[in-house]
Amino acid sequence: MREPDASETRGCAELGILGPVVGLVALHQSLLVIRHLVGAGLLTGGLHMLDAWTGEIRQLGLVVCEDCALCQAPAR
């Protein structure tokens, strides 16, 4: 076996972590869609936040504004 060169042994500090974080967000969105498709309920009325450092996922509640045309639009 050959020894790996320097470009193959770099870690997250050099290469970054954007790829895995994008994968985590896509996984979370996919799970929400599957949950909706199997009838487990669609989580609405909130904003999902992922803390990529800790792995914590939180949902923030959203308030409907009475004078907002978008908030008053019928759901599709």
PDB file of N, CA and C in Angstrom:
ATOM      1  N   MET A   1       0.847  -1.188   0.000  1.00  0.00           N
ATOM      2  CA  MET A   1       0.000   0.000   0.000  1.00  0.00           C
ATOM      3  C   MET A   1       0.881   1.237   0.000  1.00  0.00           C
ATOM      4  N   ARG A   2       0.399   2.246  -0.649  1.00  0.00           N
ATOM      5  CA  ARG A   2       1.167   3.493  -0.710  1.00  0.00           C
ATOM      6  C   ARG A   2       0.786   4.407   0.443  1.00  0.00           C
ATOM      7  N   GLU A   3       1.660   5.306   0.786  1.00  0.00           N
ATOM      8  CA  GLU A   3       1.388   6.311   1.810  1.00  0.00           C
ATOM      9  C   GLU A   3       0.508   7.408   1.210  1.00  0.00           C
ATOM     10  N   PRO A   4      -0.523   7.865   1.932  1.00  0.00           N
ATOM     11  CA  PRO A   4      -1.362   8.951   1.401  1.00  0.00           C
ATOM     12  C   PRO A   4      -0.571  10.254   1.345  1.00  0.00           C
ATOM     13  N   ASP A   5      -0.841  11.053   0.317  1.00  0.00           N
ATOM     14  CA  ASP A   5      -0.159  12.351   0.258  1.00  0.00           C
ATOM     15  C   ASP A   5      -0.897  13.362   1.134  1.00  0.00           C
ATOM     16  N   ALA A   6      -0.336  14.545   1.259  1.00  0.00           N
ATOM     17  CA  ALA A   6      -0.869  15.554   2.185  1.00  0.00           C
ATOM     18  C   ALA A   6      -2.304  15.954   1.851  1.00  0.00           C
ATOM     19  N   SER A   7      -2.669  15.976   0.569  1.00  0.00           N
ATOM     20  CA  SER A   7      -4.027  16.400   0.206  1.00  0.00           C
ATOM     21  C   SER A   7      -5.082  15.384   0.636  1.00  0.00           C
ATOM     22  N   GLU A   8      -4.683  14.145   0.883  1.00  0.00           N
ATOM     23  CA  GLU A   8      -5.632  13.109   1.282  1.00  0.00           C
ATOM     24  C   GLU A   8      -5.783  12.991   2.790  1.00  0.00           C
ATOM     25  N   THR A   9      -4.947  13.658   3.536  1.00  0.00           N
ATOM     26  CA  THR A   9      -4.975  13.518   4.996  1.00  0.00           C
ATOM     27  C   THR A   9      -5.425  14.787   5.698  1.00  0.00           C
ATOM     28  N   ARG A  10      -5.883  15.765   4.948  1.00  0.00           N
ATOM     29  CA  ARG A  10      -6.357  16.994   5.587  1.00  0.00           C
ATOM     30  C   ARG A  10      -7.667  16.729   6.319  1.00  0.00           C
ATOM     31  N   GLY A  11      -7.917  17.473   7.371  1.00  0.00           N
ATOM     32  CA  GLY A  11      -9.125  17.285   8.165  1.00  0.00           C
ATOM     33  C   GLY A  11     -10.151  18.370   7.922  1.00  0.00           C
ATOM     34  N   CYS A  12     -11.140  18.409   8.792  1.00  0.00           N
ATOM     35  CA  CYS A  12     -12.243  19.369   8.669  1.00  0.00           C
ATOM     36  C   CYS A  12     -11.764  20.813   8.747  1.00  0.00           C
ATOM     37  N   ALA A  13     -10.720  21.065   9.524  1.00  0.00           N
ATOM     38  CA  ALA A  13     -10.215  22.434   9.653  1.00  0.00           C
ATOM     39  C   ALA A  13      -9.743  22.974   8.305  1.00  0.00           C
ATOM     40  N   GLU A  14      -9.190  22.105   7.468  1.00  0.00           N
ATOM     41  CA  GLU A  14      -8.712  22.538   6.159  1.00  0.00           C
ATOM     42  C   GLU A  14      -9.777  22.392   5.073  1.00  0.00           C
ATOM     43  N   LEU A  15     -10.541  21.331   5.124  1.00  0.00           N
ATOM     44  CA  LEU A  15     -11.497  21.028   4.057  1.00  0.00           C
ATOM     45  C   LEU A  15     -12.888  21.599   4.300  1.00  0.00           C
ATOM     46  N   GLY A  16     -13.212  21.940   5.533  1.00  0.00           N
ATOM     47  CA  GLY A  16     -14.526  22.472   5.857  1.00  0.00           C
ATOM     48  C   GLY A  16     -15.549  21.380   6.120  1.00  0.00           C
ATOM     49  N   ILE A  17     -16.751  21.795   6.510  1.00  0.00           N
ATOM     50  CA  ILE A  17     -17.804  20.833   6.846  1.00  0.00           C
ATOM     51  C   ILE A  17     -19.102  21.121   6.105  1.00  0.00           C
ATOM     52  N   LEU A  18     -19.048  21.948   5.081  1.00  0.00           N
ATOM     53  CA  LEU A  18     -20.276  22.342   4.391  1.00  0.00           C
ATOM     54  C   LEU A  18     -21.004  21.150   3.780  1.00  0.00           C
ATOM     55  N   GLY A  19     -20.295  20.230   3.166  1.00  0.00           N
ATOM     56  CA  GLY A  19     -20.930  19.062   2.548  1.00  0.00           C
ATOM     57  C   GLY A  19     -21.766  18.255   3.517  1.00  0.00           C
ATOM     58  N   PRO A  20     -21.219  17.846   4.659  1.00  0.00           N
ATOM     59  CA  PRO A  20     -22.017  17.083   5.619  1.00  0.00           C
ATOM     60  C   PRO A  20     -23.201  17.867   6.183  1.00  0.00           C
ATOM     61  N   VAL A  21     -23.056  19.173   6.364  1.00  0.00           N
ATOM     62  CA  VAL A  21     -24.163  19.977   6.896  1.00  0.00           C
ATOM     63  C   VAL A  21     -25.308  20.022   5.887  1.00  0.00           C
ATOM     64  N   VAL A  22     -24.984  20.173   4.617  1.00  0.00           N
ATOM     65  CA  VAL A  22     -26.019  20.159   3.572  1.00  0.00           C
ATOM     66  C   VAL A  22     -26.736  18.813   3.583  1.00  0.00           C
ATOM     67  N   GLY A  23     -25.983  17.730   3.770  1.00  0.00           N
ATOM     68  CA  GLY A  23     -26.582  16.404   3.848  1.00  0.00           C
ATOM     69  C   GLY A  23     -27.522  16.260   5.026  1.00  0.00           C
ATOM     70  N   LEU A  24     -27.155  16.828   6.174  1.00  0.00           N
ATOM     71  CA  LEU A  24     -28.023  16.772   7.357  1.00  0.00           C
ATOM     72  C   LEU A  24     -29.332  17.516   7.119  1.00  0.00           C
ATOM     73  N   VAL A  25     -29.247  18.682   6.501  1.00  0.00           N
ATOM     74  CA  VAL A  25     -30.459  19.461   6.222  1.00  0.00           C
ATOM     75  C   VAL A  25     -31.351  18.702   5.239  1.00  0.00           C
ATOM     76  N   ALA A  26     -30.763  18.116   4.204  1.00  0.00           N
ATOM     77  CA  ALA A  26     -31.541  17.340   3.234  1.00  0.00           C
ATOM     78  C   ALA A  26     -32.199  16.135   3.896  1.00  0.00           C
ATOM     79  N   LEU A  27     -31.484  15.469   4.790  1.00  0.00           N
ATOM     80  CA  LEU A  27     -32.047  14.330   5.512  1.00  0.00           C
ATOM     81  C   LEU A  27     -33.244  14.759   6.354  1.00  0.00           C
ATOM     82  N   HIS A  28     -33.110  15.874   7.063  1.00  0.00           N
ATOM     83  CA  HIS A  28     -34.203  16.365   7.910  1.00  0.00           C
ATOM     84  C   HIS A  28     -35.427  16.703   7.060  1.00  0.00           C
ATOM     85  N   GLN A  29     -35.215  17.373   5.931  1.00  0.00           N
ATOM     86  CA  GLN A  29     -36.334  17.718   5.053  1.00  0.00           C
ATOM     87  C   GLN A  29     -36.989  16.462   4.490  1.00  0.00           C
ATOM     88  N   SER A  30     -36.191  15.479   4.127  1.00  0.00           N
ATOM     89  CA  SER A  30     -36.738  14.221   3.604  1.00  0.00           C
ATOM     90  C   SER A  30     -37.591  13.514   4.641  1.00  0.00           C
ATOM     91  N   LEU A  31     -37.134  13.507   5.879  1.00  0.00           N
ATOM     92  CA  LEU A  31     -37.905  12.867   6.945  1.00  0.00           C
ATOM     93  C   LEU A  31     -39.234  13.576   7.177  1.00  0.00           C
ATOM     94  N   LEU A  32     -39.252  14.900   7.070  1.00  0.00           N
ATOM     95  CA  LEU A  32     -40.505  15.639   7.217  1.00  0.00           C
ATOM     96  C   LEU A  32     -41.477  15.285   6.090  1.00  0.00           C
ATOM     97  N   VAL A  33     -40.975  15.141   4.870  1.00  0.00           N
ATOM     98  CA  VAL A  33     -41.829  14.770   3.737  1.00  0.00           C
ATOM     99  C   VAL A  33     -42.379  13.362   3.926  1.00  0.00           C
ATOM    100  N   ILE A  34     -41.526  12.419   4.322  1.00  0.00           N
ATOM    101  CA  ILE A  34     -41.981  11.043   4.554  1.00  0.00           C
ATOM    102  C   ILE A  34     -43.038  11.019   5.644  1.00  0.00           C
ATOM    103  N   ARG A  35     -42.830  11.797   6.679  1.00  0.00           N
ATOM    104  CA  ARG A  35     -43.800  11.882   7.772  1.00  0.00           C
ATOM    105  C   ARG A  35     -45.161  12.358   7.258  1.00  0.00           C
ATOM    106  N   HIS A  36     -45.130  13.329   6.365  1.00  0.00           N
ATOM    107  CA  HIS A  36     -46.369  13.842   5.777  1.00  0.00           C
ATOM    108  C   HIS A  36     -47.025  12.783   4.890  1.00  0.00           C
ATOM    109  N   LEU A  37     -46.232  12.085   4.075  1.00  0.00           N
ATOM    110  CA  LEU A  37     -46.774  11.095   3.139  1.00  0.00           C
ATOM    111  C   LEU A  37     -47.410   9.900   3.837  1.00  0.00           C
ATOM    112  N   VAL A  38     -46.889   9.510   4.989  1.00  0.00           N
ATOM    113  CA  VAL A  38     -47.460   8.360   5.703  1.00  0.00           C
ATOM    114  C   VAL A  38     -48.567   8.777   6.660  1.00  0.00           C
ATOM    115  N   GLY A  39     -48.896  10.066   6.659  1.00  0.00           N
ATOM    116  CA  GLY A  39     -50.001  10.528   7.481  1.00  0.00           C
ATOM    117  C   GLY A  39     -49.654  10.815   8.923  1.00  0.00           C
ATOM    118  N   ALA A  40     -48.377  10.948   9.216  1.00  0.00           N
ATOM    119  CA  ALA A  40     -47.970  11.245  10.588  1.00  0.00           C
ATOM    120  C   ALA A  40     -48.080  12.734  10.894  1.00  0.00           C
ATOM    121  N   GLY A  41     -48.513  13.508   9.928  1.00  0.00           N
ATOM    122  CA  GLY A  41     -48.732  14.927  10.159  1.00  0.00           C
ATOM    123  C   GLY A  41     -47.639  15.782   9.561  1.00  0.00           C
ATOM    124  N   LEU A  42     -48.046  16.900   9.020  1.00  0.00           N
ATOM    125  CA  LEU A  42     -47.110  17.867   8.468  1.00  0.00           C
ATOM    126  C   LEU A  42     -46.914  18.950   9.512  1.00  0.00           C
ATOM    127  N   LEU A  43     -45.680  19.201   9.843  1.00  0.00           N
ATOM    128  CA  LEU A  43     -45.385  20.228  10.838  1.00  0.00           C
ATOM    129  C   LEU A  43     -45.459  21.589  10.169  1.00  0.00           C
ATOM    130  N   THR A  44     -46.489  22.344  10.500  1.00  0.00           N
ATOM    131  CA  THR A  44     -46.655  23.668   9.913  1.00  0.00           C
ATOM    132  C   THR A  44     -46.687  24.694  11.022  1.00  0.00           C
ATOM    133  N   GLY A  45     -46.591  25.938  10.624  1.00  0.00           N
ATOM    134  CA  GLY A  45     -46.653  27.017  11.596  1.00  0.00           C
ATOM    135  C   GLY A  45     -45.366  27.206  12.370  1.00  0.00           C
ATOM    136  N   GLY A  46     -44.271  26.674  11.854  1.00  0.00           N
ATOM    137  CA  GLY A  46     -43.013  26.816  12.557  1.00  0.00           C
ATOM    138  C   GLY A  46     -41.831  26.820  11.613  1.00  0.00           C
ATOM    139  N   LEU A  47     -40.725  27.292  12.117  1.00  0.00           N
ATOM    140  CA  LEU A  47     -39.477  27.338  11.375  1.00  0.00           C
ATOM    141  C   LEU A  47     -38.509  26.380  12.045  1.00  0.00           C
ATOM    142  N   HIS A  48     -37.995  25.420  11.297  1.00  0.00           N
ATOM    143  CA  HIS A  48     -37.060  24.444  11.848  1.00  0.00           C
ATOM    144  C   HIS A  48     -35.653  25.014  11.786  1.00  0.00           C
ATOM    145  N   MET A  49     -34.936  24.905  12.885  1.00  0.00           N
ATOM    146  CA  MET A  49     -33.563  25.392  12.949  1.00  0.00           C
ATOM    147  C   MET A  49     -32.641  24.250  13.352  1.00  0.00           C
ATOM    148  N   LEU A  50     -31.564  24.073  12.598  1.00  0.00           N
ATOM    149  CA  LEU A  50     -30.579  23.040  12.874  1.00  0.00           C
ATOM    150  C   LEU A  50     -29.297  23.705  13.339  1.00  0.00           C
ATOM    151  N   ASP A  51     -28.841  23.346  14.526  1.00  0.00           N
ATOM    152  CA  ASP A  51     -27.544  23.795  15.013  1.00  0.00           C
ATOM    153  C   ASP A  51     -26.538  22.733  14.586  1.00  0.00           C
ATOM    154  N   ALA A  52     -25.782  23.022  13.533  1.00  0.00           N
ATOM    155  CA  ALA A  52     -24.868  22.027  12.974  1.00  0.00           C
ATOM    156  C   ALA A  52     -23.740  21.678  13.940  1.00  0.00           C
ATOM    157  N   TRP A  53     -23.426  22.554  14.864  1.00  0.00           N
ATOM    158  CA  TRP A  53     -22.343  22.289  15.810  1.00  0.00           C
ATOM    159  C   TRP A  53     -22.756  21.252  16.853  1.00  0.00           C
ATOM    160  N   THR A  54     -23.987  21.375  17.366  1.00  0.00           N
ATOM    161  CA  THR A  54     -24.442  20.462  18.422  1.00  0.00           C
ATOM    162  C   THR A  54     -25.354  19.357  17.896  1.00  0.00           C
ATOM    163  N   GLY A  55     -25.904  19.547  16.696  1.00  0.00           N
ATOM    164  CA  GLY A  55     -26.841  18.573  16.147  1.00  0.00           C
ATOM    165  C   GLY A  55     -28.259  18.766  16.653  1.00  0.00           C
ATOM    166  N   GLU A  56     -28.494  19.826  17.394  1.00  0.00           N
ATOM    167  CA  GLU A  56     -29.824  20.089  17.957  1.00  0.00           C
ATOM    168  C   GLU A  56     -30.745  20.674  16.887  1.00  0.00           C
ATOM    169  N   ILE A  57     -31.979  20.170  16.838  1.00  0.00           N
ATOM    170  CA  ILE A  57     -32.988  20.691  15.923  1.00  0.00           C
ATOM    171  C   ILE A  57     -34.105  21.286  16.770  1.00  0.00           C
ATOM    172  N   ARG A  58     -34.430  22.540  16.498  1.00  0.00           N
ATOM    173  CA  ARG A  58     -35.497  23.219  17.237  1.00  0.00           C
ATOM    174  C   ARG A  58     -36.544  23.723  16.251  1.00  0.00           C
ATOM    175  N   GLN A  59     -37.748  23.926  16.758  1.00  0.00           N
ATOM    176  CA  GLN A  59     -38.802  24.505  15.938  1.00  0.00           C
ATOM    177  C   GLN A  59     -39.280  25.776  16.614  1.00  0.00           C
ATOM    178  N   LEU A  60     -39.237  26.864  15.878  1.00  0.00           N
ATOM    179  CA  LEU A  60     -39.722  28.143  16.378  1.00  0.00           C
ATOM    180  C   LEU A  60     -41.132  28.364  15.861  1.00  0.00           C
ATOM    181  N   GLY A  61     -42.006  28.789  16.732  1.00  0.00           N
ATOM    182  CA  GLY A  61     -43.373  29.083  16.322  1.00  0.00           C
ATOM    183  C   GLY A  61     -43.437  30.385  15.546  1.00  0.00           C
ATOM    184  N   LEU A  62     -44.326  30.437  14.578  1.00  0.00           N
ATOM    185  CA  LEU A  62     -44.521  31.649  13.789  1.00  0.00           C
ATOM    186  C   LEU A  62     -45.893  32.219  14.099  1.00  0.00           C
ATOM    187  N   VAL A  63     -45.964  33.521  14.154  1.00  0.00           N
ATOM    188  CA  VAL A  63     -47.210  34.210  14.460  1.00  0.00           C
ATOM    189  C   VAL A  63     -47.821  34.715  13.158  1.00  0.00           C
ATOM    190  N   VAL A  64     -49.118  34.517  13.003  1.00  0.00           N
ATOM    191  CA  VAL A  64     -49.837  35.008  11.827  1.00  0.00           C
ATOM    192  C   VAL A  64     -50.159  36.480  12.036  1.00  0.00           C
ATOM    193  N   CYS A  65     -49.768  37.304  11.066  1.00  0.00           N
ATOM    194  CA  CYS A  65     -50.066  38.737  11.120  1.00  0.00           C
ATOM    195  C   CYS A  65     -51.382  38.995  10.393  1.00  0.00           C
ATOM    196  N   GLU A  66     -52.284  39.668  11.055  1.00  0.00           N
ATOM    197  CA  GLU A  66     -53.608  39.926  10.484  1.00  0.00           C
ATOM    198  C   GLU A  66     -53.557  40.822   9.253  1.00  0.00           C
ATOM    199  N   ASP A  67     -52.550  41.703   9.154  1.00  0.00           N
ATOM    200  CA  ASP A  67     -52.483  42.630   8.028  1.00  0.00           C
ATOM    201  C   ASP A  67     -51.482  42.182   6.952  1.00  0.00           C
ATOM    202  N   CYS A  68     -51.084  40.923   6.970  1.00  0.00           N
ATOM    203  CA  CYS A  68     -50.114  40.391   6.003  1.00  0.00           C
ATOM    204  C   CYS A  68     -50.853  39.549   4.959  1.00  0.00           C
ATOM    205  N   ALA A  69     -50.712  39.925   3.682  1.00  0.00           N
ATOM    206  CA  ALA A  69     -51.397  39.199   2.603  1.00  0.00           C
ATOM    207  C   ALA A  69     -50.903  37.757   2.503  1.00  0.00           C
ATOM    208  N   LEU A  70     -49.631  37.528   2.723  1.00  0.00           N
ATOM    209  CA  LEU A  70     -49.094  36.172   2.634  1.00  0.00           C
ATOM    210  C   LEU A  70     -49.610  35.302   3.777  1.00  0.00           C
ATOM    211  N   CYS A  71     -49.664  35.854   4.983  1.00  0.00           N
ATOM    212  CA  CYS A  71     -50.173  35.089   6.129  1.00  0.00           C
ATOM    213  C   CYS A  71     -51.645  34.731   5.954  1.00  0.00           C
ATOM    214  N   GLN A  72     -52.394  35.578   5.280  1.00  0.00           N
ATOM    215  CA  GLN A  72     -53.828  35.369   5.120  1.00  0.00           C
ATOM    216  C   GLN A  72     -54.173  34.536   3.890  1.00  0.00           C
ATOM    217  N   ALA A  73     -53.181  34.213   3.057  1.00  0.00           N
ATOM    218  CA  ALA A  73     -53.438  33.419   1.850  1.00  0.00           C
ATOM    219  C   ALA A  73     -53.857  32.009   2.247  1.00  0.00           C
ATOM    220  N   PRO A  74     -54.797  31.417   1.502  1.00  0.00           N
ATOM    221  CA  PRO A  74     -55.226  30.049   1.831  1.00  0.00           C
ATOM    222  C   PRO A  74     -54.090  29.052   1.608  1.00  0.00           C
ATOM    223  N   ALA A  75     -54.047  28.037   2.435  1.00  0.00           N
ATOM    224  CA  ALA A  75     -53.022  26.994   2.301  1.00  0.00           C
ATOM    225  C   ALA A  75     -53.295  26.172   1.058  1.00  0.00           C
ATOM    226  N   ARG A  76     -52.234  25.719   0.409  1.00  0.00           N
ATOM    227  CA  ARG A  76     -52.396  24.893  -0.801  1.00  0.00           C
ATOM    228  C   ARG A  76     -52.122  23.461  -0.489  1.00  0.00           C
TER     229      ARG A  76
END
